[in-house]
Every structure is written in structure tokens, then in C-alpha cells.
Amino acid sequence: MNIPPVLRAALWMSGALASFTFMALGGRELASELTTFQILFFRSVVGLILVSTLLTFSGWAQVRGKRVKLHLLRNTAHFGGQFGWFYGISLLPLSTVFALEFTAPVWTALLAVFVLSERLTMVRLMSILMGFGGILLILRPTVNGIGSAEMAVIGAAAGYAVAYVMTKKLGADNSPLTIIFYMTIIQLPLSFLPSLWQWTLPSMTLWPWVVLVGVTALSAHYCIARALALADAGVVVPMDFLRLPLITVIGFLLYDEAFDIWVLAGGAIIFVGNLINMREAARGSKS
């Protein structure tokens, strides 16, 4: 059966949506017994087993000594992003975490100006301002300021932005599997040493969640990569935004989290800003 590329991209994005959702649920469940560092450690263990299995079939030669220092920089930033994300998952409504996570492209646009020497156009500036406006709408800060969990998720988005910029540099001569391998091998000790402070093994009932978090952390990015290979980013990215209303409904059904219209509105503003910036970049690449 000949399935149109756009439909196949939608199916892959469905896999990404499911992966992100189950990863968030797994993080919430594991937080009942494990610290954030321990969640990241077990996630890396599962990821390393999976990636090592794939490399056994595709060849280990591809991971030998390719820009190791840049991998270290990327994964230190990505590790900080993962820590902030899982920390936020344990304390905040799931919809708030996902909405604030959408600011990663805002930070990426800022970093690209300074790190990649990309031009700060009026459209890009408008996208950045819309991103910060969405943050203010989501958090609605008072005289008491913004809580540590909210700041951790915003920091996570910034960490992801650094990782995205470094990934763009690494992608020139590193395969996706190589990038994922270095991610797991570098982040494993980063999470293991702090885990020893309050070391504990998950109870038997939590081990399926451990495996699920490790698997979905890899499958989410794989599904997005496959979707982008089949359809333009202008088609794929709007599908990714469905994560926010989906996780809002799940948070309501499973954890009695209230619907917050301001979170959805702020997330929508951030998304529109990202979409505007992305379309300008697409036009620039064609000119």
C-alpha cells in the first residue's frame, strides 16, 4: 500500500507524541521513589544498552574519536536540560512543563546569533519577544517571583537550546547514532555520582517505568527525525504542538490537574512565534 509521505510523517509524529507523553508519565511515577539524578542515571543505562545493540549491527567504527570535546559540551548542556525537565515533571502540572519546554527554539534563536553568527532579523526578534511574552503569560509572576521548579524548566529549555546548536555543528560529520551514543556514555557518570548521595534501587513495580523512560527518550527523537525526513518542518512542527493539549488532558484524567487556559494561551503564543521564525528560515534557505 502506497501511503503518502505527509501521512507517514503524521504517523511518525504520533509515535513522537506517544513517546514524550509516556516519558513524562514515567518521570512522574519514578519521582515517587527516586531523585532526579537517579532517574537520569537509569535512563542513561537503558539508553546505552539500546544504542550499543544498534551499533553492534551498524558498526562501532562510526563513534571513534569524532569531536569529543564538542560532544562533552553538548551533553553537559543537554544533561542540565534533562535535569530541569524531570525536576519540573515531579513538581509542576505536566501542561506547564510542556508549554515552557516550547521556549527552547527561542533560546536557540538567541544562541544562533552569538554562536553561529546568524543574523538577528526583525522577524527573529519578533519571534523571541513572543516567546518571552508566552513565558510571562504562563507563569504570571507576582511579587513573590517565580518558583524554583518553573525556573528549572526554563533553564532546561535553555540547556536544550545549547544542545540543539551543538548538534547542528556535530551533524556535519557525526551520524545520529554517534550523537546518541556519546549522549548516553557522557551523561551516565554525570548522573551516577550525584545519585550516590541518596542511592536507592527502584521497587519492582517501578522497573517497567524505568525501561519505558529509557526507551521513549530515544524513540521520541528517532520518530521526529523520521517525520522530518518525510515532510517539511512546516508540516511536522505543528503536529508537535499537539503535545500540549494532549498532556493537559492526561494530567487532568490521571493526576487531577486543573485546566489552565493561561498555560494553553501562553504555549500557543510561543508556538506561533516559533512557527514564524521557522518559516522565515525556510524562505531564507530557498533564496
Protein backbone atom coordinates (compact mmCIF):
# COMPACT_ATOMS: atom_id res chain seq x y z
CA MET A 1 0.00 0.00 0.00
CA ASN A 2 1.40 3.38 -1.10
CA ILE A 3 0.97 5.76 1.85
CA PRO A 4 1.53 9.48 1.05
CA PRO A 5 4.68 10.94 2.66
CA VAL A 6 2.70 13.51 4.66
CA LEU A 7 0.53 10.78 6.16
CA ARG A 8 3.61 8.72 7.00
CA ALA A 9 5.12 11.80 8.66
CA ALA A 10 1.93 12.17 10.71
CA LEU A 11 2.21 8.55 11.81
CA TRP A 12 5.82 9.06 12.90
CA MET A 13 4.81 12.19 14.79
CA SER A 14 2.12 10.16 16.53
CA GLY A 15 4.95 7.95 17.76
CA ALA A 16 6.83 11.04 18.97
CA LEU A 17 3.75 12.35 20.79
CA ALA A 18 3.27 8.99 22.49
CA SER A 19 6.97 8.83 23.40
CA PHE A 20 7.06 12.28 25.01
CA THR A 21 3.81 11.58 26.86
CA PHE A 22 4.94 8.23 28.27
CA MET A 23 8.35 9.68 29.18
CA ALA A 24 6.61 12.41 31.20
CA LEU A 25 4.34 9.87 32.91
CA GLY A 26 7.34 7.66 33.65
CA GLY A 27 9.23 10.58 35.14
CA ARG A 28 6.27 11.47 37.35
CA GLU A 29 5.92 7.87 38.59
CA LEU A 30 9.66 7.39 39.22
CA ALA A 31 9.82 10.65 41.20
CA SER A 32 7.80 8.94 43.93
CA GLU A 33 10.91 6.93 44.91
CA LEU A 34 13.92 8.24 43.00
CA THR A 35 15.76 11.54 42.90
CA THR A 36 16.07 13.35 39.58
CA PHE A 37 19.71 12.29 39.28
CA GLN A 38 18.74 8.63 39.77
CA ILE A 39 16.04 8.90 37.10
CA LEU A 40 18.64 10.29 34.69
CA PHE A 41 21.12 7.56 35.63
CA PHE A 42 18.75 4.68 34.95
CA ARG A 43 17.57 6.44 31.77
CA SER A 44 21.19 6.53 30.56
CA VAL A 45 21.74 2.87 31.44
CA VAL A 46 18.75 1.76 29.37
CA GLY A 47 19.72 4.12 26.55
CA LEU A 48 23.31 2.85 26.48
CA ILE A 49 22.13 -0.76 26.23
CA LEU A 50 19.84 0.10 23.32
CA VAL A 51 22.40 2.21 21.45
CA SER A 52 25.16 -0.38 21.97
CA THR A 53 22.88 -3.03 20.48
CA LEU A 54 22.22 -0.86 17.42
CA LEU A 55 25.93 -0.08 16.99
CA THR A 56 26.74 -3.79 17.11
CA PHE A 57 24.74 -4.18 13.90
CA SER A 58 25.63 -0.87 12.19
CA GLY A 59 29.32 -0.74 13.14
CA TRP A 60 31.28 0.75 16.03
CA ALA A 61 33.79 2.49 13.76
CA GLN A 62 31.46 5.46 13.37
CA VAL A 63 31.90 6.55 17.02
CA ARG A 64 35.71 6.64 17.17
CA GLY A 65 37.17 9.96 18.28
CA LYS A 66 34.89 12.37 16.42
CA ARG A 67 34.99 15.85 18.02
CA VAL A 68 34.86 14.52 21.57
CA LYS A 69 35.25 17.97 23.17
CA LEU A 70 32.17 19.24 21.34
CA HIS A 71 30.27 16.15 22.44
CA LEU A 72 31.26 16.92 26.04
CA LEU A 73 29.96 20.48 25.73
CA ARG A 74 26.73 19.40 24.07
CA ASN A 75 25.95 16.70 26.59
CA THR A 76 26.78 18.79 29.64
CA ALA A 77 24.18 21.31 28.44
CA HIS A 78 21.73 18.56 27.47
CA PHE A 79 22.19 16.88 30.85
CA GLY A 80 21.30 20.16 32.56
CA GLY A 81 18.24 20.40 30.34
CA GLN A 82 17.17 16.86 31.18
CA PHE A 83 17.64 17.50 34.89
CA GLY A 84 15.47 20.63 34.79
CA TRP A 85 12.80 18.86 32.73
CA PHE A 86 12.47 15.82 35.01
CA TYR A 87 12.70 18.02 38.11
CA GLY A 88 9.83 20.12 36.77
CA ILE A 89 7.82 17.00 35.90
CA SER A 90 7.97 15.93 39.55
CA LEU A 91 6.63 19.23 40.91
CA LEU A 92 4.62 21.11 38.27
CA PRO A 93 1.48 20.40 36.25
CA LEU A 94 2.50 18.47 33.15
CA SER A 95 0.98 21.10 30.87
CA THR A 96 3.16 23.83 32.40
CA VAL A 97 6.32 21.81 31.82
CA PHE A 98 5.45 21.10 28.19
CA ALA A 99 4.45 24.71 27.49
CA LEU A 100 7.68 26.10 28.92
CA GLU A 101 9.67 23.47 27.03
CA PHE A 102 8.45 25.03 23.77
CA THR A 103 10.68 28.04 24.53
CA ALA A 104 13.75 26.02 23.51
CA PRO A 105 13.63 27.43 19.93
CA VAL A 106 13.54 30.95 21.42
CA TRP A 107 16.81 30.33 23.25
CA THR A 108 18.17 28.57 20.16
CA ALA A 109 17.46 31.67 18.05
CA LEU A 110 19.33 33.82 20.56
CA LEU A 111 22.30 31.46 20.75
CA ALA A 112 22.48 31.11 16.96
CA VAL A 113 23.14 34.84 16.71
CA PHE A 114 26.16 34.65 19.03
CA VAL A 115 27.46 31.11 18.43
CA LEU A 116 26.66 30.52 14.74
CA SER A 117 26.87 34.22 13.74
CA GLU A 118 23.36 34.14 12.29
CA ARG A 119 21.69 37.48 11.62
CA LEU A 120 19.13 38.87 14.10
CA THR A 121 16.33 39.87 11.73
CA MET A 122 13.17 41.71 12.71
CA VAL A 123 11.16 38.52 12.25
CA ARG A 124 13.50 36.58 14.51
CA LEU A 125 13.39 39.37 17.09
CA MET A 126 9.59 39.29 16.99
CA SER A 127 9.68 35.52 17.50
CA ILE A 128 11.95 35.92 20.53
CA LEU A 129 9.71 38.62 22.05
CA MET A 130 6.63 36.43 21.52
CA GLY A 131 8.45 33.62 23.30
CA PHE A 132 9.14 35.75 26.35
CA GLY A 133 5.59 37.07 26.25
CA GLY A 134 4.31 33.49 26.32
CA ILE A 135 6.52 32.74 29.34
CA LEU A 136 5.07 35.70 31.23
CA LEU A 137 1.54 34.59 30.37
CA ILE A 138 2.19 31.03 31.57
CA LEU A 139 3.92 31.99 34.81
CA ARG A 140 2.15 35.29 35.56
CA PRO A 141 4.90 36.22 38.09
CA THR A 142 3.86 38.01 41.28
CA VAL A 143 5.82 39.99 43.85
CA ASN A 144 6.99 36.64 45.21
CA GLY A 145 8.80 35.93 41.94
CA ILE A 146 8.98 32.63 40.07
CA GLY A 147 9.38 29.26 41.82
CA SER A 148 12.46 27.07 41.57
CA ALA A 149 10.63 24.38 39.57
CA GLU A 150 9.49 26.89 36.94
CA MET A 151 13.00 28.31 36.71
CA ALA A 152 14.38 24.78 36.35
CA VAL A 153 12.15 24.11 33.33
CA ILE A 154 13.06 27.44 31.72
CA GLY A 155 16.70 26.54 32.35
CA ALA A 156 16.01 23.14 30.79
CA ALA A 157 14.73 24.83 27.62
CA ALA A 158 17.90 26.94 27.52
CA GLY A 159 20.00 23.80 28.01
CA TYR A 160 18.20 22.11 25.14
CA ALA A 161 18.88 25.18 23.00
CA VAL A 162 22.63 24.87 23.59
CA ALA A 163 22.39 21.17 22.75
CA TYR A 164 20.49 21.94 19.52
CA VAL A 165 23.14 24.43 18.39
CA MET A 166 25.95 21.98 19.18
CA THR A 167 24.05 19.19 17.43
CA LYS A 168 23.93 21.33 14.29
CA LYS A 169 27.72 21.59 14.41
CA LEU A 170 28.18 17.87 15.15
CA GLY A 171 25.76 16.77 12.44
CA ALA A 172 28.27 17.70 9.74
CA ASP A 173 30.45 14.66 10.45
CA ASN A 174 28.62 12.57 13.07
CA SER A 175 25.77 10.15 12.45
CA PRO A 176 22.64 10.47 14.63
CA LEU A 177 23.55 7.16 16.26
CA THR A 178 27.01 8.53 17.12
CA ILE A 179 25.48 11.61 18.73
CA ILE A 180 23.11 9.47 20.79
CA PHE A 181 25.94 7.14 21.84
CA TYR A 182 28.03 9.99 23.21
CA MET A 183 24.93 11.36 24.90
CA THR A 184 24.44 8.17 26.91
CA ILE A 185 28.12 7.48 27.64
CA ILE A 186 28.81 11.04 28.86
CA GLN A 187 25.62 11.53 30.83
CA LEU A 188 25.94 8.18 32.60
CA PRO A 189 28.73 9.29 35.01
CA LEU A 190 27.26 12.81 35.27
CA SER A 191 24.12 11.29 36.78
CA PHE A 192 25.72 8.38 38.64
CA LEU A 193 27.99 10.32 41.01
CA PRO A 194 25.24 12.61 42.41
CA SER A 195 22.94 9.57 42.64
CA LEU A 196 25.21 8.00 45.24
CA TRP A 197 24.26 10.69 47.77
CA GLN A 198 20.80 9.14 48.28
CA TRP A 199 21.25 5.85 46.47
CA THR A 200 18.28 3.52 46.22
CA LEU A 201 17.05 0.95 43.75
CA PRO A 202 13.55 1.29 42.30
CA SER A 203 10.96 -1.08 43.69
CA MET A 204 9.86 -3.91 41.41
CA THR A 205 6.69 -2.06 40.42
CA LEU A 206 8.75 0.85 39.08
CA TRP A 207 11.13 -1.09 36.84
CA PRO A 208 8.74 -1.06 33.87
CA TRP A 209 8.68 2.74 34.16
CA VAL A 210 12.50 2.79 34.22
CA VAL A 211 12.62 0.86 30.96
CA LEU A 212 9.85 2.99 29.47
CA VAL A 213 11.66 6.26 30.22
CA GLY A 214 14.88 4.94 28.68
CA VAL A 215 13.18 3.67 25.54
CA THR A 216 10.95 6.68 24.95
CA ALA A 217 13.83 9.12 25.44
CA LEU A 218 15.38 7.63 22.29
CA SER A 219 12.22 6.80 20.34
CA ALA A 220 10.86 10.36 20.60
CA HIS A 221 13.85 11.87 18.80
CA TYR A 222 14.01 9.00 16.30
CA CYS A 223 10.34 9.47 15.36
CA ILE A 224 10.81 13.22 14.88
CA ALA A 225 13.85 12.63 12.68
CA ARG A 226 11.89 10.17 10.51
CA ALA A 227 8.96 12.59 10.25
CA LEU A 228 11.26 15.44 9.17
CA ALA A 229 12.75 13.18 6.51
CA LEU A 230 9.29 12.69 5.00
CA ALA A 231 7.76 16.18 5.28
CA ASP A 232 8.79 19.81 5.66
CA ALA A 233 9.28 21.23 9.13
CA GLY A 234 6.26 23.46 8.48
CA VAL A 235 4.13 20.30 8.47
CA VAL A 236 5.88 18.43 11.27
CA VAL A 237 6.27 21.19 13.88
CA PRO A 238 2.52 21.99 14.16
CA MET A 239 1.96 18.30 14.88
CA ASP A 240 4.49 18.50 17.72
CA PHE A 241 2.46 21.28 19.34
CA LEU A 242 -0.35 18.74 19.90
CA ARG A 243 1.75 17.55 22.85
CA LEU A 244 0.45 20.43 24.94
CA PRO A 245 -3.33 19.81 24.75
CA LEU A 246 -2.70 16.05 24.89
CA ILE A 247 -0.67 16.23 28.10
CA THR A 248 -3.20 18.70 29.56
CA VAL A 249 -5.97 16.13 29.15
CA ILE A 250 -3.80 13.33 30.53
CA GLY A 251 -2.78 15.43 33.53
CA PHE A 252 -6.46 16.13 34.23
CA LEU A 253 -7.50 12.47 33.93
CA LEU A 254 -4.61 10.84 35.81
CA TYR A 255 -3.46 13.47 38.30
CA ASP A 256 -6.49 15.75 38.73
CA GLU A 257 -4.53 18.70 37.32
CA ALA A 258 -6.79 21.64 36.56
CA PHE A 259 -7.13 23.06 33.04
CA ASP A 260 -5.21 26.34 32.93
CA ILE A 261 -6.30 28.43 29.97
CA TRP A 262 -3.35 30.79 30.52
CA VAL A 263 -0.88 27.95 30.07
CA LEU A 264 -2.54 26.90 26.81
CA ALA A 265 -2.67 30.52 25.60
CA GLY A 266 0.96 31.15 26.52
CA GLY A 267 2.02 27.93 24.84
CA ALA A 268 0.10 28.93 21.71
CA ILE A 269 1.86 32.32 21.57
CA ILE A 270 5.27 30.65 21.96
CA PHE A 271 4.35 28.16 19.22
CA VAL A 272 3.25 30.88 16.79
CA GLY A 273 6.48 32.76 17.41
CA ASN A 274 8.47 29.58 16.70
CA LEU A 275 6.46 28.95 13.54
CA ILE A 276 7.07 32.49 12.25
CA ASN A 277 10.81 32.14 12.82
CA MET A 278 10.90 28.71 11.20
CA ARG A 279 9.08 29.90 8.07
CA GLU A 280 11.46 32.82 7.67
CA ALA A 281 14.39 30.42 7.94
CA ALA A 282 12.78 28.21 5.27
CA ARG A 283 12.38 31.19 2.94
CA GLY A 284 15.96 32.22 3.55
CA SER A 285 17.27 28.76 2.64
CA LYS A 286 15.42 28.89 -0.69
CA SER A 287 16.62 32.36 -1.67
